[in-house]
């Protein structure tokens, strides 16, 4: 069964702004407007909550994300349009539209989180409605936005107070892997915009939480990468990070040794066999190797090794480090190859394995943190 597409917050804001602008010009806000999207698809969207006076016009469009599990689905996005004395079209965010507080995003610090493509869509649609020689101020607001924003990536990205008005195509494609990847890239862009030369990449919250407990580094320096390890390694290289630290559970990161740089369980089987192969090469006792084969999870393997043989996980980390270096070399990119280190954590957040480059980085970073405390003391 095919999934139903929807439309972005950018398309909703554009339609609401166009309808409100038409209301100012013609004295009546329409029940429906048609807008152009960047991919050439035209949308006809219904208009709600109309309010009109001589100088101000306001209305809303209800977001429909189709079959995509979007937290903004069903919310109403409002546009308030009012005459101004210049011939410009000024666009800003009101209640429930976030503000950017960190560099590295498409929107400058201090501005409303209305991305460039939706901003152009709004401007073009409003200009079409009012013609030339006059100007208006457009305020986009989302009454539920402050609450909804807390359920998105926005707090991590330094966007406070609400949601973002986004969308590069105007259309929401259900369950889009590409849109998920795009959201992950924002973390890299912020880290680079702040000026970090090292990016710490963690598959999920376990790695992020564990590395932040281990060493005193800014949270912005740690970027969650989900299962897209290869993709994010490449993108970090393009952004000219000098060093990459992979931090996470070996259940995810050991899959790289099989060449699986997309680690989702649907396309990459568990890493037990990879780890057992390394244990065999490390000449662990036959009794331990036999017991390992009866363990069903990677965490179970870690527990079995914990008392006497956990140091072998340093070898696992070193081999993953080597695999990342080989990954970069095989890409033959024109960008410089960054150094790469690996830190492995168990499910409780304790370090169980660390590669040589990661160990050096950790020692230097901890020394810098200690020096900073002494200097401030």
Protein backbone atom coordinates (compact mmCIF):
# COMPACT_ATOMS: atom_id res chain seq x y z
CA UNK A 1 0.00 0.00 0.00
CA UNK A 2 1.44 3.39 -0.97
CA UNK A 3 1.82 6.02 1.75
CA UNK A 4 0.13 9.40 1.46
CA UNK A 5 2.34 12.47 1.10
CA UNK A 6 1.67 15.70 2.98
CA UNK A 7 2.95 19.25 2.94
CA UNK A 8 5.62 21.02 4.93
CA UNK A 9 5.40 23.76 7.53
CA UNK A 10 6.90 25.99 4.84
CA UNK A 11 4.02 25.29 2.48
CA UNK A 12 1.49 25.93 5.25
CA UNK A 13 3.10 29.26 6.13
CA UNK A 14 3.23 30.22 2.45
CA UNK A 15 -0.45 29.45 1.84
CA UNK A 16 -1.54 31.28 5.00
CA UNK A 17 0.58 34.33 4.08
CA UNK A 18 -0.75 34.39 0.52
CA UNK A 19 -4.35 34.13 1.68
CA UNK A 20 -3.88 36.89 4.25
CA UNK A 21 -2.22 39.11 1.62
CA UNK A 22 -5.12 38.53 -0.76
CA UNK A 23 -7.44 39.54 2.06
CA UNK A 24 -5.62 42.86 2.46
CA UNK A 25 -5.78 43.56 -1.26
CA UNK A 26 -9.35 42.43 -2.01
CA UNK A 27 -11.13 42.84 1.30
CA UNK A 28 -11.88 39.15 1.63
CA UNK A 29 -9.70 36.22 2.68
CA UNK A 30 -10.30 33.24 0.36
CA UNK A 31 -11.38 29.80 1.56
CA UNK A 32 -8.58 28.15 -0.43
CA UNK A 33 -5.36 29.21 -2.15
CA UNK A 34 -3.01 27.59 -4.61
CA UNK A 35 0.75 27.83 -4.10
CA UNK A 36 3.78 26.74 -6.09
CA UNK A 37 6.32 24.39 -4.53
CA UNK A 38 10.05 24.28 -5.39
CA UNK A 39 9.60 20.94 -7.20
CA UNK A 40 6.89 22.29 -9.50
CA UNK A 41 3.93 20.67 -7.74
CA UNK A 42 1.03 23.02 -7.07
CA UNK A 43 -0.85 22.70 -3.77
CA UNK A 44 -4.37 23.85 -2.98
CA UNK A 45 -4.71 24.38 0.75
CA UNK A 46 -7.75 25.30 2.83
CA UNK A 47 -7.75 28.51 4.88
CA UNK A 48 -8.98 28.68 8.49
CA UNK A 49 -9.44 31.19 11.34
CA UNK A 50 -9.83 34.28 9.19
CA UNK A 51 -9.54 37.77 10.73
CA UNK A 52 -9.48 40.93 8.63
CA UNK A 53 -9.35 44.70 9.17
CA UNK A 54 -8.26 47.62 7.00
CA UNK A 55 -4.58 47.30 7.97
CA UNK A 56 -4.18 43.70 9.16
CA UNK A 57 -5.16 40.30 7.83
CA UNK A 58 -4.61 36.96 9.56
CA UNK A 59 -5.49 33.33 8.85
CA UNK A 60 -4.19 29.80 9.28
CA UNK A 61 -3.51 26.54 7.48
CA UNK A 62 -3.66 23.20 9.27
CA UNK A 63 -0.55 21.06 8.77
CA UNK A 64 -1.11 17.69 7.11
CA UNK A 65 1.99 15.48 7.13
CA UNK A 66 0.29 12.68 5.22
CA UNK A 67 1.40 9.31 6.55
CA UNK A 68 4.67 10.67 7.94
CA UNK A 69 4.94 10.53 11.77
CA UNK A 70 5.57 14.25 12.09
CA UNK A 71 5.04 15.90 15.51
CA UNK A 72 3.69 19.02 13.79
CA UNK A 73 0.90 17.11 12.04
CA UNK A 74 -2.46 18.73 12.71
CA UNK A 75 -1.14 21.97 14.19
CA UNK A 76 -2.26 25.32 12.77
CA UNK A 77 0.26 27.67 11.23
CA UNK A 78 -0.81 31.30 11.17
CA UNK A 79 0.26 34.23 9.03
CA UNK A 80 -0.44 37.84 10.02
CA UNK A 81 0.07 40.32 7.19
CA UNK A 82 -0.02 44.08 7.72
CA UNK A 83 0.75 47.09 5.57
CA UNK A 84 4.05 48.95 6.09
CA UNK A 85 5.37 52.21 4.66
CA UNK A 86 8.14 50.69 2.53
CA UNK A 87 7.89 48.53 -0.60
CA UNK A 88 9.60 45.59 1.11
CA UNK A 89 8.21 42.27 2.25
CA UNK A 90 9.47 41.72 5.80
CA UNK A 91 9.17 38.21 7.22
CA UNK A 92 9.56 37.27 10.88
CA UNK A 93 8.47 34.65 13.37
CA UNK A 94 5.97 35.14 16.18
CA UNK A 95 4.65 32.89 18.92
CA UNK A 96 5.77 29.27 18.64
CA UNK A 97 8.37 29.83 15.90
CA UNK A 98 11.85 29.16 17.24
CA UNK A 99 14.81 31.54 17.36
CA UNK A 100 18.31 30.50 16.31
CA UNK A 101 20.91 30.84 19.08
CA UNK A 102 23.89 28.95 17.64
CA UNK A 103 25.96 29.43 14.46
CA UNK A 104 26.20 26.87 11.66
CA UNK A 105 22.56 26.64 10.58
CA UNK A 106 21.01 28.04 7.41
CA UNK A 107 19.53 30.91 9.43
CA UNK A 108 21.69 33.49 11.19
CA UNK A 109 21.83 33.69 14.98
CA UNK A 110 19.02 35.81 16.39
CA UNK A 111 16.64 35.29 13.48
CA UNK A 112 13.40 33.35 13.42
CA UNK A 113 13.86 29.72 12.39
CA UNK A 114 12.28 30.18 8.96
CA UNK A 115 14.60 28.43 6.54
CA UNK A 116 15.69 30.03 3.23
CA UNK A 117 13.45 28.00 0.91
CA UNK A 118 10.21 28.63 2.85
CA UNK A 119 11.20 32.27 3.25
CA UNK A 120 11.50 32.62 -0.54
CA UNK A 121 8.21 30.78 -1.01
CA UNK A 122 6.45 33.17 1.36
CA UNK A 123 7.98 36.24 -0.25
CA UNK A 124 7.14 35.12 -3.81
CA UNK A 125 3.55 34.18 -2.91
CA UNK A 126 2.89 37.43 -1.05
CA UNK A 127 4.43 39.51 -3.82
CA UNK A 128 2.19 37.74 -6.32
CA UNK A 129 -0.82 38.66 -4.18
CA UNK A 130 -0.04 42.35 -3.50
CA UNK A 131 1.84 43.29 -6.65
CA UNK A 132 4.63 45.85 -6.83
CA UNK A 133 4.91 49.30 -5.28
CA UNK A 134 3.61 48.34 -1.82
CA UNK A 135 5.03 46.49 1.15
CA UNK A 136 3.87 44.31 4.03
CA UNK A 137 5.17 42.70 7.19
CA UNK A 138 4.48 38.96 7.52
CA UNK A 139 4.53 37.30 10.94
CA UNK A 140 4.37 33.50 11.03
CA UNK A 141 3.20 31.95 14.31
CA UNK A 142 2.31 28.51 15.64
CA UNK A 143 0.36 28.60 18.92
CA UNK A 144 1.37 25.02 19.77
CA UNK A 145 4.92 25.54 18.56
CA UNK A 146 6.69 26.00 21.90
CA UNK A 147 5.45 22.63 23.16
CA UNK A 148 5.99 20.87 19.83
CA UNK A 149 9.50 22.27 19.48
CA UNK A 150 10.61 20.36 22.58
CA UNK A 151 9.78 17.11 20.78
CA UNK A 152 12.04 17.88 17.82
CA UNK A 153 15.80 18.23 17.27
CA UNK A 154 15.48 21.99 17.82
CA UNK A 155 16.67 22.14 21.46
CA UNK A 156 19.85 20.25 20.45
CA UNK A 157 20.41 22.61 17.56
CA UNK A 158 20.07 25.74 19.66
CA UNK A 159 16.67 26.70 18.27
CA UNK A 160 14.63 27.90 21.23
CA UNK A 161 10.99 28.79 21.75
CA UNK A 162 9.29 26.73 19.08
CA UNK A 163 9.38 24.80 15.82
CA UNK A 164 11.17 25.61 12.59
CA UNK A 165 9.43 26.56 9.36
CA UNK A 166 11.16 24.19 6.98
CA UNK A 167 10.93 22.24 3.74
CA UNK A 168 13.11 22.24 0.65
CA UNK A 169 10.46 20.71 -1.63
CA UNK A 170 7.21 21.87 -0.03
CA UNK A 171 6.08 18.23 0.12
CA UNK A 172 6.46 15.77 3.02
CA UNK A 173 7.51 12.33 1.81
CA UNK A 174 6.43 9.67 4.34
CA UNK A 175 9.20 8.09 6.40
CA UNK A 176 11.88 9.83 4.38
CA UNK A 177 15.37 8.60 5.18
CA UNK A 178 16.79 11.59 3.37
CA UNK A 179 14.99 14.08 5.60
CA UNK A 180 16.28 12.22 8.68
CA UNK A 181 19.82 12.46 7.34
CA UNK A 182 19.35 16.16 6.69
CA UNK A 183 18.32 16.70 10.32
CA UNK A 184 21.46 14.88 11.50
CA UNK A 185 23.68 17.12 9.37
CA UNK A 186 22.53 20.16 11.35
CA UNK A 187 24.55 18.86 14.31
CA UNK A 188 27.71 18.72 12.19
CA UNK A 189 27.07 22.20 10.82
CA UNK A 190 26.65 23.67 14.30
CA UNK A 191 29.82 21.99 15.61
CA UNK A 192 31.79 23.32 12.64
CA UNK A 193 30.17 26.74 12.89
CA UNK A 194 31.25 27.03 16.53
CA UNK A 195 34.79 26.12 15.44
CA UNK A 196 35.39 22.63 16.84
CA UNK A 197 38.12 20.71 15.01
CA UNK A 198 37.07 17.38 16.56
CA UNK A 199 33.61 15.89 16.07
CA UNK A 200 32.41 13.16 18.43
CA UNK A 201 29.95 10.93 16.57
CA UNK A 202 27.61 8.75 18.63
CA UNK A 203 25.05 6.31 17.17
CA UNK A 204 22.54 7.22 19.87
CA UNK A 205 21.88 8.63 23.30
CA UNK A 206 23.93 5.91 25.04
CA UNK A 207 27.13 7.04 23.32
CA UNK A 208 26.28 10.71 23.77
CA UNK A 209 25.48 10.40 27.46
CA UNK A 210 28.51 8.20 28.15
CA UNK A 211 31.07 10.44 26.42
CA UNK A 212 29.72 13.54 28.17
CA UNK A 213 30.05 11.74 31.53
CA UNK A 214 33.57 10.63 30.64
CA UNK A 215 35.08 13.92 29.54
CA UNK A 216 34.21 17.59 29.95
CA UNK A 217 33.39 18.67 26.40
CA UNK A 218 30.53 20.83 25.13
CA UNK A 219 27.35 18.99 24.23
CA UNK A 220 27.40 20.69 20.82
CA UNK A 221 30.58 18.76 20.00
CA UNK A 222 28.73 15.43 20.22
CA UNK A 223 26.56 14.61 17.20
CA UNK A 224 24.13 11.70 17.09
CA UNK A 225 24.39 9.79 13.81
CA UNK A 226 21.80 7.03 14.21
CA UNK A 227 22.61 4.11 11.88
CA UNK A 228 24.15 6.30 9.15
CA UNK A 229 27.78 5.84 10.16
CA UNK A 230 29.31 5.92 6.68
CA UNK A 231 27.19 8.87 5.57
CA UNK A 232 28.10 10.93 8.62
CA UNK A 233 31.79 10.03 8.40
CA UNK A 234 31.83 11.33 4.83
CA UNK A 235 29.94 14.49 5.74
CA UNK A 236 32.29 15.17 8.67
CA UNK A 237 35.23 14.87 6.26
CA UNK A 238 33.61 17.36 3.87
CA UNK A 239 33.28 19.83 6.74
CA UNK A 240 37.05 19.55 7.34
CA UNK A 241 37.02 18.19 10.87
CA UNK A 242 40.58 17.21 11.73
CA UNK A 243 39.62 14.41 14.09
CA UNK A 244 36.62 12.09 14.44
CA UNK A 245 35.86 10.18 17.62
CA UNK A 246 33.29 7.39 17.32
CA UNK A 247 31.69 6.73 20.70
CA UNK A 248 29.16 4.00 21.29
CA UNK A 249 28.30 0.39 22.07
CA UNK A 250 30.22 -2.35 20.21
CA UNK A 251 26.89 -3.87 19.24
CA UNK A 252 26.67 -1.02 16.69
CA UNK A 253 30.25 -0.04 16.02
CA UNK A 254 31.71 -3.54 15.60
CA UNK A 255 29.45 -3.95 12.57
CA UNK A 256 31.86 -1.65 10.72
CA UNK A 257 34.40 -4.50 10.76
CA UNK A 258 32.09 -6.41 8.43
CA UNK A 259 31.94 -3.39 6.15
CA UNK A 260 28.45 -2.45 7.33
CA UNK A 261 28.57 1.35 7.54
CA UNK A 262 24.76 1.43 7.67
CA UNK A 263 24.12 -0.39 10.94
CA UNK A 264 20.33 -0.75 11.06
CA UNK A 265 19.29 -4.27 12.06
CA UNK A 266 17.23 -4.55 8.87
CA UNK A 267 20.38 -4.46 6.74
CA UNK A 268 23.14 -5.47 9.16
CA UNK A 269 23.07 -8.61 11.31
CA UNK A 270 24.31 -8.66 14.94
CA UNK A 271 28.04 -8.31 15.58
CA UNK A 272 28.48 -11.38 17.80
CA UNK A 273 30.39 -13.38 15.16
CA UNK A 274 32.75 -10.46 14.49
CA UNK A 275 33.66 -10.16 18.16
CA UNK A 276 34.10 -13.89 18.62
CA UNK A 277 36.47 -13.97 15.64
CA UNK A 278 38.61 -11.29 17.30
CA UNK A 279 38.57 -13.25 20.59
CA UNK A 280 39.79 -16.33 18.73
CA UNK A 281 42.66 -14.38 17.18
CA UNK A 282 43.48 -13.00 20.63
CA UNK A 283 43.98 -16.61 21.84
CA UNK A 284 41.41 -16.56 24.63
CA UNK A 285 40.99 -19.90 26.45
CA UNK A 286 38.87 -22.50 24.70
CA UNK A 287 36.45 -22.57 27.63
CA UNK A 288 35.79 -18.83 27.23
CA UNK A 289 35.41 -19.11 23.45
CA UNK A 290 32.93 -21.95 23.88
CA UNK A 291 30.91 -19.93 26.39
CA UNK A 292 30.91 -16.90 24.07
CA UNK A 293 29.21 -18.87 21.33
CA UNK A 294 26.28 -19.56 23.64
CA UNK A 295 25.70 -15.87 24.39
CA UNK A 296 22.92 -14.24 22.38
CA UNK A 297 23.84 -10.55 22.70
CA UNK A 298 26.94 -8.37 22.45
CA UNK A 299 26.27 -7.05 25.96
CA UNK A 300 26.24 -10.67 27.13
CA UNK A 301 29.67 -11.16 25.54
CA UNK A 302 30.93 -8.11 27.43
CA UNK A 303 29.64 -9.49 30.73
CA UNK A 304 31.31 -12.83 30.12
CA UNK A 305 34.64 -11.12 29.44
CA UNK A 306 34.37 -8.59 32.26
CA UNK A 307 36.27 -10.32 35.06
CA UNK A 308 39.46 -11.39 33.28
CA UNK A 309 39.44 -10.65 29.55
CA UNK A 310 37.77 -7.29 28.97
CA UNK A 311 41.04 -5.72 27.81
CA UNK A 312 40.53 -7.50 24.47
CA UNK A 313 37.92 -4.83 23.71
CA UNK A 314 40.80 -2.38 23.24
CA UNK A 315 41.81 -4.54 20.28
CA UNK A 316 38.25 -4.35 18.98
CA UNK A 317 38.40 -0.55 19.21
CA UNK A 318 41.76 -0.49 17.40
CA UNK A 319 40.40 -2.66 14.58
CA UNK A 320 37.35 -0.41 14.18
CA UNK A 321 39.70 2.59 14.09
CA UNK A 322 41.65 0.92 11.29
CA UNK A 323 38.45 0.14 9.40
CA UNK A 324 37.39 3.80 9.53
CA UNK A 325 40.77 4.87 8.15
CA UNK A 326 40.41 2.31 5.33
CA UNK A 327 36.89 3.61 4.66
CA UNK A 328 38.25 7.11 4.14
CA UNK A 329 41.13 5.93 1.95
CA UNK A 330 38.81 3.87 -0.25
CA UNK A 331 36.59 6.90 -0.88
CA UNK A 332 39.54 8.69 -2.55
CA UNK A 333 38.01 12.03 -1.67
CA UNK A 334 39.69 15.33 -2.46
CA UNK A 335 39.16 16.31 1.19
CA UNK A 336 41.86 15.64 3.77
CA UNK A 337 41.46 12.39 5.73
CA UNK A 338 40.78 13.12 9.39
CA UNK A 339 42.27 11.13 12.24
CA UNK A 340 39.74 8.74 13.72
CA UNK A 341 39.48 7.19 17.16
CA UNK A 342 37.01 4.82 18.81
CA UNK A 343 35.67 4.60 22.37
CA UNK A 344 33.44 1.66 23.28
CA UNK A 345 30.95 1.72 26.16
CA UNK A 346 28.83 -0.95 27.78
CA UNK A 347 25.11 -0.42 28.39
CA UNK A 348 25.86 1.16 31.78
CA UNK A 349 28.08 3.80 30.15
CA UNK A 350 31.44 2.44 31.34
CA UNK A 351 34.43 2.46 28.99
CA UNK A 352 35.23 -1.09 27.90
CA UNK A 353 37.52 -0.39 24.95
CA UNK A 354 39.49 2.52 23.54
CA UNK A 355 41.69 2.82 20.46
CA UNK A 356 45.13 4.43 20.40
CA UNK A 357 44.08 7.70 18.77
CA UNK A 358 41.04 8.00 21.04
CA UNK A 359 43.22 7.39 24.11
CA UNK A 360 45.56 10.22 23.10
CA UNK A 361 42.64 12.56 22.41
CA UNK A 362 41.06 11.67 25.76
CA UNK A 363 44.25 12.37 27.70
CA UNK A 364 44.80 15.73 25.97
CA UNK A 365 41.17 16.77 26.41
CA UNK A 366 41.13 15.85 30.09
CA UNK A 367 44.39 17.76 30.63
CA UNK A 368 42.94 20.85 28.96
CA UNK A 369 39.81 20.59 31.08
CA UNK A 370 41.88 20.29 34.27
CA UNK A 371 44.07 23.26 33.27
CA UNK A 372 40.95 25.34 32.70
CA UNK A 373 39.65 24.49 36.19
CA UNK A 374 43.02 25.37 37.75
CA UNK A 375 43.19 28.66 35.84
CA UNK A 376 39.73 29.61 37.03
CA UNK A 377 40.44 28.45 40.57
